[in-house]
PDB file of all heavy atoms in Angstrom:
ATOM      1  N   MET A   1      41.253  -1.092   9.440  1.00  0.00           N
ATOM      2  CA  MET A   1      41.742   0.274   9.553  1.00  0.00           C
ATOM      3  C   MET A   1      43.246   0.242   9.798  1.00  0.00           C
ATOM      4  O   MET A   1      43.741  -0.504  10.615  1.00  0.00           O
ATOM      5  CB  MET A   1      41.047   0.988  10.705  1.00  0.00           C
ATOM      6  CG  MET A   1      41.473   2.403  10.887  1.00  0.00           C
ATOM      7  SD  MET A   1      40.469   3.164  12.171  1.00  0.00           S
ATOM      8  CE  MET A   1      41.540   4.459  12.664  1.00  0.00           C
ATOM      9  N   ASN A   2      43.975   1.079   9.078  1.00  0.00           N
ATOM     10  CA  ASN A   2      45.412   1.198   9.277  1.00  0.00           C
ATOM     11  C   ASN A   2      45.702   1.892  10.590  1.00  0.00           C
ATOM     12  O   ASN A   2      44.940   2.749  11.030  1.00  0.00           O
ATOM     13  CB  ASN A   2      46.051   2.002   8.140  1.00  0.00           C
ATOM     14  CG  ASN A   2      46.003   1.279   6.825  1.00  0.00           C
ATOM     15  OD1 ASN A   2      45.954   0.059   6.786  1.00  0.00           O
ATOM     16  ND2 ASN A   2      46.009   2.037   5.741  1.00  0.00           N
ATOM     17  N   LYS A   3      46.816   1.536  11.197  1.00  0.00           N
ATOM     18  CA  LYS A   3      47.260   2.214  12.414  1.00  0.00           C
ATOM     19  C   LYS A   3      47.650   3.643  12.061  1.00  0.00           C
ATOM     20  O   LYS A   3      48.182   3.918  10.986  1.00  0.00           O
ATOM     21  CB  LYS A   3      48.469   1.506  13.015  1.00  0.00           C
ATOM     22  CG  LYS A   3      48.182   0.094  13.439  1.00  0.00           C
ATOM     23  CD  LYS A   3      47.810   0.070  14.881  1.00  0.00           C
ATOM     24  CE  LYS A   3      47.655  -1.378  15.313  1.00  0.00           C
ATOM     25  NZ  LYS A   3      46.911  -1.513  16.499  1.00  0.00           N
ATOM     26  N   GLN A   4      47.369   4.556  12.967  1.00  0.00           N
ATOM     27  CA  GLN A   4      47.728   5.950  12.790  1.00  0.00           C
ATOM     28  C   GLN A   4      48.446   6.423  14.045  1.00  0.00           C
ATOM     29  O   GLN A   4      48.203   5.912  15.136  1.00  0.00           O
ATOM     30  CB  GLN A   4      46.489   6.814  12.552  1.00  0.00           C
ATOM     31  CG  GLN A   4      45.738   6.453  11.296  1.00  0.00           C
ATOM     32  CD  GLN A   4      44.491   7.283  11.121  1.00  0.00           C
ATOM     33  OE1 GLN A   4      43.920   7.799  12.075  1.00  0.00           O
ATOM     34  NE2 GLN A   4      44.047   7.426   9.894  1.00  0.00           N
ATOM     35  N   ILE A   5      49.323   7.396  13.889  1.00  0.00           N
ATOM     36  CA  ILE A   5      50.039   7.980  15.021  1.00  0.00           C
ATOM     37  C   ILE A   5      49.599   9.425  15.162  1.00  0.00           C
ATOM     38  O   ILE A   5      49.612  10.194  14.193  1.00  0.00           O
ATOM     39  CB  ILE A   5      51.561   7.907  14.811  1.00  0.00           C
ATOM     40  CG1 ILE A   5      52.017   6.455  14.767  1.00  0.00           C
ATOM     41  CG2 ILE A   5      52.293   8.682  15.903  1.00  0.00           C
ATOM     42  CD1 ILE A   5      53.472   6.287  14.389  1.00  0.00           C
ATOM     43  N   PHE A   6      49.233   9.799  16.382  1.00  0.00           N
ATOM     44  CA  PHE A   6      48.894  11.176  16.719  1.00  0.00           C
ATOM     45  C   PHE A   6      49.821  11.602  17.853  1.00  0.00           C
ATOM     46  O   PHE A   6      49.653  11.161  18.985  1.00  0.00           O
ATOM     47  CB  PHE A   6      47.430  11.302  17.172  1.00  0.00           C
ATOM     48  CG  PHE A   6      46.440  11.054  16.074  1.00  0.00           C
ATOM     49  CD1 PHE A   6      46.040   9.765  15.768  1.00  0.00           C
ATOM     50  CD2 PHE A   6      45.917  12.113  15.346  1.00  0.00           C
ATOM     51  CE1 PHE A   6      45.120   9.522  14.755  1.00  0.00           C
ATOM     52  CE2 PHE A   6      44.995  11.882  14.327  1.00  0.00           C
ATOM     53  CZ  PHE A   6      44.597  10.581  14.029  1.00  0.00           C
ATOM     54  N   VAL A   7      50.811  12.418  17.540  1.00  0.00           N
ATOM     55  CA  VAL A   7      51.710  12.964  18.553  1.00  0.00           C
ATOM     56  C   VAL A   7      51.047  14.229  19.071  1.00  0.00           C
ATOM     57  O   VAL A   7      50.710  15.123  18.290  1.00  0.00           O
ATOM     58  CB  VAL A   7      53.095  13.284  17.951  1.00  0.00           C
ATOM     59  CG1 VAL A   7      54.003  13.933  18.981  1.00  0.00           C
ATOM     60  CG2 VAL A   7      53.725  12.030  17.381  1.00  0.00           C
ATOM     61  N   ASN A   8      50.832  14.297  20.380  1.00  0.00           N
ATOM     62  CA  ASN A   8      50.176  15.458  20.979  1.00  0.00           C
ATOM     63  C   ASN A   8      51.221  16.321  21.670  1.00  0.00           C
ATOM     64  O   ASN A   8      51.959  15.831  22.530  1.00  0.00           O
ATOM     65  CB  ASN A   8      49.123  15.005  21.993  1.00  0.00           C
ATOM     66  CG  ASN A   8      47.964  14.327  21.309  1.00  0.00           C
ATOM     67  OD1 ASN A   8      46.980  14.961  20.981  1.00  0.00           O
ATOM     68  ND2 ASN A   8      48.080  13.030  21.072  1.00  0.00           N
ATOM     69  N   LEU A   9      51.281  17.604  21.295  1.00  0.00           N
ATOM     70  CA  LEU A   9      52.273  18.522  21.840  1.00  0.00           C
ATOM     71  C   LEU A   9      51.600  19.779  22.360  1.00  0.00           C
ATOM     72  O   LEU A   9      50.734  20.349  21.700  1.00  0.00           O
ATOM     73  CB  LEU A   9      53.287  18.905  20.760  1.00  0.00           C
ATOM     74  CG  LEU A   9      54.092  17.757  20.157  1.00  0.00           C
ATOM     75  CD1 LEU A   9      54.885  18.249  18.952  1.00  0.00           C
ATOM     76  CD2 LEU A   9      55.015  17.144  21.195  1.00  0.00           C
ATOM     77  N   ALA A  10      52.025  20.211  23.541  1.00  0.00           N
ATOM     78  CA  ALA A  10      51.519  21.456  24.111  1.00  0.00           C
ATOM     79  C   ALA A  10      52.245  22.627  23.463  1.00  0.00           C
ATOM     80  O   ALA A  10      53.465  22.582  23.282  1.00  0.00           O
ATOM     81  CB  ALA A  10      51.740  21.475  25.622  1.00  0.00           C
ATOM     82  N   VAL A  11      51.490  23.660  23.095  1.00  0.00           N
ATOM     83  CA  VAL A  11      52.084  24.860  22.500  1.00  0.00           C
ATOM     84  C   VAL A  11      51.572  26.099  23.226  1.00  0.00           C
ATOM     85  O   VAL A  11      50.452  26.122  23.728  1.00  0.00           O
ATOM     86  CB  VAL A  11      51.798  24.972  20.984  1.00  0.00           C
ATOM     87  CG1 VAL A  11      52.358  23.772  20.233  1.00  0.00           C
ATOM     88  CG2 VAL A  11      50.309  25.113  20.706  1.00  0.00           C
ATOM     89  N   LYS A  12      52.414  27.113  23.285  1.00  0.00           N
ATOM     90  CA  LYS A  12      52.037  28.347  23.965  1.00  0.00           C
ATOM     91  C   LYS A  12      51.151  29.242  23.099  1.00  0.00           C
ATOM     92  O   LYS A  12      50.224  29.860  23.591  1.00  0.00           O
ATOM     93  CB  LYS A  12      53.288  29.104  24.394  1.00  0.00           C
ATOM     94  CG  LYS A  12      54.067  28.380  25.474  1.00  0.00           C
ATOM     95  CD  LYS A  12      55.086  29.281  26.118  1.00  0.00           C
ATOM     96  CE  LYS A  12      55.812  28.584  27.232  1.00  0.00           C
ATOM     97  NZ  LYS A  12      54.971  27.997  28.253  1.00  0.00           N
ATOM     98  N   ASP A  13      51.439  29.318  21.808  1.00  0.00           N
ATOM     99  CA  ASP A  13      50.689  30.185  20.899  1.00  0.00           C
ATOM    100  C   ASP A  13      50.336  29.372  19.656  1.00  0.00           C
ATOM    101  O   ASP A  13      51.184  29.149  18.794  1.00  0.00           O
ATOM    102  CB  ASP A  13      51.533  31.408  20.541  1.00  0.00           C
ATOM    103  CG  ASP A  13      50.765  32.435  19.729  1.00  0.00           C
ATOM    104  OD1 ASP A  13      50.037  32.046  18.775  1.00  0.00           O
ATOM    105  OD2 ASP A  13      50.901  33.631  20.018  1.00  0.00           O
ATOM    106  N   LEU A  14      49.099  28.941  19.583  1.00  0.00           N
ATOM    107  CA  LEU A  14      48.673  28.060  18.496  1.00  0.00           C
ATOM    108  C   LEU A  14      48.828  28.704  17.128  1.00  0.00           C
ATOM    109  O   LEU A  14      49.302  28.056  16.196  1.00  0.00           O
ATOM    110  CB  LEU A  14      47.226  27.605  18.724  1.00  0.00           C
ATOM    111  CG  LEU A  14      46.680  26.584  17.733  1.00  0.00           C
ATOM    112  CD1 LEU A  14      47.519  25.308  17.736  1.00  0.00           C
ATOM    113  CD2 LEU A  14      45.219  26.267  18.055  1.00  0.00           C
ATOM    114  N   ASP A  15      48.467  29.968  16.996  1.00  0.00           N
ATOM    115  CA  ASP A  15      48.579  30.629  15.692  1.00  0.00           C
ATOM    116  C   ASP A  15      50.034  30.706  15.228  1.00  0.00           C
ATOM    117  O   ASP A  15      50.336  30.454  14.058  1.00  0.00           O
ATOM    118  CB  ASP A  15      47.958  32.026  15.730  1.00  0.00           C
ATOM    119  CG  ASP A  15      46.439  31.984  15.838  1.00  0.00           C
ATOM    120  OD1 ASP A  15      45.835  30.976  15.385  1.00  0.00           O
ATOM    121  OD2 ASP A  15      45.854  32.938  16.374  1.00  0.00           O
ATOM    122  N   LYS A  16      50.952  31.036  16.134  1.00  0.00           N
ATOM    123  CA  LYS A  16      52.370  31.096  15.765  1.00  0.00           C
ATOM    124  C   LYS A  16      52.897  29.712  15.418  1.00  0.00           C
ATOM    125  O   LYS A  16      53.692  29.557  14.486  1.00  0.00           O
ATOM    126  CB  LYS A  16      53.193  31.708  16.896  1.00  0.00           C
ATOM    127  CG  LYS A  16      53.036  33.200  17.014  1.00  0.00           C
ATOM    128  CD  LYS A  16      53.923  33.767  18.106  1.00  0.00           C
ATOM    129  CE  LYS A  16      53.746  35.266  18.231  1.00  0.00           C
ATOM    130  NZ  LYS A  16      54.564  35.812  19.334  1.00  0.00           N
ATOM    131  N   SER A  17      52.461  28.690  16.147  1.00  0.00           N
ATOM    132  CA  SER A  17      52.899  27.325  15.842  1.00  0.00           C
ATOM    133  C   SER A  17      52.391  26.872  14.484  1.00  0.00           C
ATOM    134  O   SER A  17      53.128  26.251  13.709  1.00  0.00           O
ATOM    135  CB  SER A  17      52.424  26.349  16.936  1.00  0.00           C
ATOM    136  OG  SER A  17      53.101  26.592  18.143  1.00  0.00           O
ATOM    137  N   LYS A  18      51.137  27.189  14.175  1.00  0.00           N
ATOM    138  CA  LYS A  18      50.599  26.834  12.867  1.00  0.00           C
ATOM    139  C   LYS A  18      51.367  27.548  11.756  1.00  0.00           C
ATOM    140  O   LYS A  18      51.704  26.941  10.736  1.00  0.00           O
ATOM    141  CB  LYS A  18      49.105  27.174  12.799  1.00  0.00           C
ATOM    142  CG  LYS A  18      48.234  26.220  13.604  1.00  0.00           C
ATOM    143  CD  LYS A  18      46.796  26.675  13.711  1.00  0.00           C
ATOM    144  CE  LYS A  18      46.134  26.912  12.386  1.00  0.00           C
ATOM    145  NZ  LYS A  18      44.748  27.390  12.511  1.00  0.00           N
ATOM    146  N   ALA A  19      51.677  28.818  11.943  1.00  0.00           N
ATOM    147  CA  ALA A  19      52.427  29.569  10.932  1.00  0.00           C
ATOM    148  C   ALA A  19      53.825  28.971  10.756  1.00  0.00           C
ATOM    149  O   ALA A  19      54.314  28.846   9.627  1.00  0.00           O
ATOM    150  CB  ALA A  19      52.522  31.045  11.329  1.00  0.00           C
ATOM    151  N   PHE A  20      54.457  28.576  11.852  1.00  0.00           N
ATOM    152  CA  PHE A  20      55.786  27.960  11.794  1.00  0.00           C
ATOM    153  C   PHE A  20      55.743  26.693  10.945  1.00  0.00           C
ATOM    154  O   PHE A  20      56.534  26.523  10.013  1.00  0.00           O
ATOM    155  CB  PHE A  20      56.267  27.640  13.218  1.00  0.00           C
ATOM    156  CG  PHE A  20      57.567  26.878  13.271  1.00  0.00           C
ATOM    157  CD1 PHE A  20      58.777  27.541  13.184  1.00  0.00           C
ATOM    158  CD2 PHE A  20      57.570  25.506  13.419  1.00  0.00           C
ATOM    159  CE1 PHE A  20      59.979  26.845  13.237  1.00  0.00           C
ATOM    160  CE2 PHE A  20      58.761  24.795  13.467  1.00  0.00           C
ATOM    161  CZ  PHE A  20      59.972  25.468  13.376  1.00  0.00           C
ATOM    162  N   PHE A  21      54.817  25.793  11.245  1.00  0.00           N
ATOM    163  CA  PHE A  21      54.762  24.530  10.519  1.00  0.00           C
ATOM    164  C   PHE A  21      54.235  24.698   9.096  1.00  0.00           C
ATOM    165  O   PHE A  21      54.607  23.937   8.205  1.00  0.00           O
ATOM    166  CB  PHE A  21      53.980  23.476  11.308  1.00  0.00           C
ATOM    167  CG  PHE A  21      54.772  22.945  12.472  1.00  0.00           C
ATOM    168  CD1 PHE A  21      54.463  23.298  13.767  1.00  0.00           C
ATOM    169  CD2 PHE A  21      55.847  22.094  12.257  1.00  0.00           C
ATOM    170  CE1 PHE A  21      55.204  22.817  14.832  1.00  0.00           C
ATOM    171  CE2 PHE A  21      56.599  21.605  13.307  1.00  0.00           C
ATOM    172  CZ  PHE A  21      56.283  21.969  14.604  1.00  0.00           C
ATOM    173  N   ASN A  22      53.392  25.706   8.852  1.00  0.00           N
ATOM    174  CA  ASN A  22      53.002  26.033   7.469  1.00  0.00           C
ATOM    175  C   ASN A  22      54.231  26.426   6.660  1.00  0.00           C
ATOM    176  O   ASN A  22      54.348  26.058   5.488  1.00  0.00           O
ATOM    177  CB  ASN A  22      51.981  27.172   7.443  1.00  0.00           C
ATOM    178  CG  ASN A  22      50.559  26.689   7.468  1.00  0.00           C
ATOM    179  OD1 ASN A  22      50.204  25.748   6.773  1.00  0.00           O
ATOM    180  ND2 ASN A  22      49.733  27.328   8.276  1.00  0.00           N
ATOM    181  N   ALA A  23      55.164  27.161   7.274  1.00  0.00           N
ATOM    182  CA  ALA A  23      56.385  27.584   6.583  1.00  0.00           C
ATOM    183  C   ALA A  23      57.259  26.385   6.211  1.00  0.00           C
ATOM    184  O   ALA A  23      58.051  26.465   5.278  1.00  0.00           O
ATOM    185  CB  ALA A  23      57.174  28.567   7.451  1.00  0.00           C
ATOM    186  N   LEU A  24      57.077  25.259   6.905  1.00  0.00           N
ATOM    187  CA  LEU A  24      57.819  24.039   6.587  1.00  0.00           C
ATOM    188  C   LEU A  24      57.088  23.201   5.537  1.00  0.00           C
ATOM    189  O   LEU A  24      57.589  22.173   5.105  1.00  0.00           O
ATOM    190  CB  LEU A  24      58.029  23.195   7.851  1.00  0.00           C
ATOM    191  CG  LEU A  24      59.248  23.559   8.690  1.00  0.00           C
ATOM    192  CD1 LEU A  24      59.113  24.905   9.335  1.00  0.00           C
ATOM    193  CD2 LEU A  24      59.484  22.500   9.748  1.00  0.00           C
ATOM    194  N   GLY A  25      55.885  23.631   5.163  1.00  0.00           N
ATOM    195  CA  GLY A  25      55.126  22.943   4.126  1.00  0.00           C
ATOM    196  C   GLY A  25      54.039  22.021   4.642  1.00  0.00           C
ATOM    197  O   GLY A  25      53.387  21.332   3.854  1.00  0.00           O
ATOM    198  N   TYR A  26      53.813  22.004   5.955  1.00  0.00           N
ATOM    199  CA  TYR A  26      52.770  21.137   6.510  1.00  0.00           C
ATOM    200  C   TYR A  26      51.410  21.827   6.427  1.00  0.00           C
ATOM    201  O   TYR A  26      51.308  23.047   6.461  1.00  0.00           O
ATOM    202  CB  TYR A  26      53.090  20.762   7.957  1.00  0.00           C
ATOM    203  CG  TYR A  26      54.299  19.875   8.061  1.00  0.00           C
ATOM    204  CD1 TYR A  26      55.506  20.369   8.500  1.00  0.00           C
ATOM    205  CD2 TYR A  26      54.228  18.530   7.689  1.00  0.00           C
ATOM    206  CE1 TYR A  26      56.632  19.552   8.579  1.00  0.00           C
ATOM    207  CE2 TYR A  26      55.342  17.708   7.767  1.00  0.00           C
ATOM    208  CZ  TYR A  26      56.541  18.232   8.212  1.00  0.00           C
ATOM    209  OH  TYR A  26      57.637  17.419   8.274  1.00  0.00           O
ATOM    210  N   THR A  27      50.371  21.014   6.326  1.00  0.00           N
ATOM    211  CA  THR A  27      49.002  21.518   6.284  1.00  0.00           C
ATOM    212  C   THR A  27      48.256  21.052   7.528  1.00  0.00           C
ATOM    213  O   THR A  27      48.753  20.214   8.287  1.00  0.00           O
ATOM    214  CB  THR A  27      48.268  21.022   5.030  1.00  0.00           C
ATOM    215  OG1 THR A  27      48.227  19.587   5.058  1.00  0.00           O
ATOM    216  CG2 THR A  27      48.965  21.493   3.757  1.00  0.00           C
ATOM    217  N   PHE A  28      47.061  21.585   7.710  1.00  0.00           N
ATOM    218  CA  PHE A  28      46.246  21.253   8.872  1.00  0.00           C
ATOM    219  C   PHE A  28      44.874  20.775   8.427  1.00  0.00           C
ATOM    220  O   PHE A  28      44.303  21.325   7.493  1.00  0.00           O
ATOM    221  CB  PHE A  28      46.120  22.472   9.796  1.00  0.00           C
ATOM    222  CG  PHE A  28      47.437  22.827  10.429  1.00  0.00           C
ATOM    223  CD1 PHE A  28      48.316  23.679   9.777  1.00  0.00           C
ATOM    224  CD2 PHE A  28      47.813  22.286  11.634  1.00  0.00           C
ATOM    225  CE1 PHE A  28      49.550  23.985  10.331  1.00  0.00           C
ATOM    226  CE2 PHE A  28      49.041  22.583  12.201  1.00  0.00           C
ATOM    227  CZ  PHE A  28      49.910  23.433  11.542  1.00  0.00           C
ATOM    228  N   ASN A  29      44.396  19.742   9.097  1.00  0.00           N
ATOM    229  CA  ASN A  29      43.076  19.217   8.802  1.00  0.00           C
ATOM    230  C   ASN A  29      42.048  20.109   9.500  1.00  0.00           C
ATOM    231  O   ASN A  29      41.962  20.104  10.732  1.00  0.00           O
ATOM    232  CB  ASN A  29      42.968  17.773   9.295  1.00  0.00           C
ATOM    233  CG  ASN A  29      41.629  17.150   8.993  1.00  0.00           C
ATOM    234  OD1 ASN A  29      40.618  17.833   8.877  1.00  0.00           O
ATOM    235  ND2 ASN A  29      41.606  15.837   8.874  1.00  0.00           N
ATOM    236  N   PRO A  30      41.253  20.886   8.744  1.00  0.00           N
ATOM    237  CA  PRO A  30      40.314  21.820   9.361  1.00  0.00           C
ATOM    238  C   PRO A  30      39.227  21.125  10.178  1.00  0.00           C
ATOM    239  O   PRO A  30      38.677  21.721  11.107  1.00  0.00           O
ATOM    240  CB  PRO A  30      39.725  22.586   8.174  1.00  0.00           C
ATOM    241  CG  PRO A  30      39.973  21.730   6.980  1.00  0.00           C
ATOM    242  CD  PRO A  30      41.206  20.917   7.285  1.00  0.00           C
ATOM    243  N   GLN A  31      38.935  19.868   9.873  1.00  0.00           N
ATOM    244  CA  GLN A  31      37.907  19.132  10.605  1.00  0.00           C
ATOM    245  C   GLN A  31      38.309  18.931  12.072  1.00  0.00           C
ATOM    246  O   GLN A  31      37.451  18.846  12.945  1.00  0.00           O
ATOM    247  CB  GLN A  31      37.671  17.776   9.936  1.00  0.00           C
ATOM    248  CG  GLN A  31      36.545  16.979  10.549  1.00  0.00           C
ATOM    249  CD  GLN A  31      36.320  15.661   9.813  1.00  0.00           C
ATOM    250  OE1 GLN A  31      37.033  15.310   8.877  1.00  0.00           O
ATOM    251  NE2 GLN A  31      35.326  14.927  10.250  1.00  0.00           N
TER     252      GLN A  31
END
């Protein structure tokens, strides 16, 4: 198995954070 990095960050508003990073072109793993 390849090494993977998971950076964990606390956020105040998850929906706003997801919208912010979606605007940068990032996607989210629904699983």
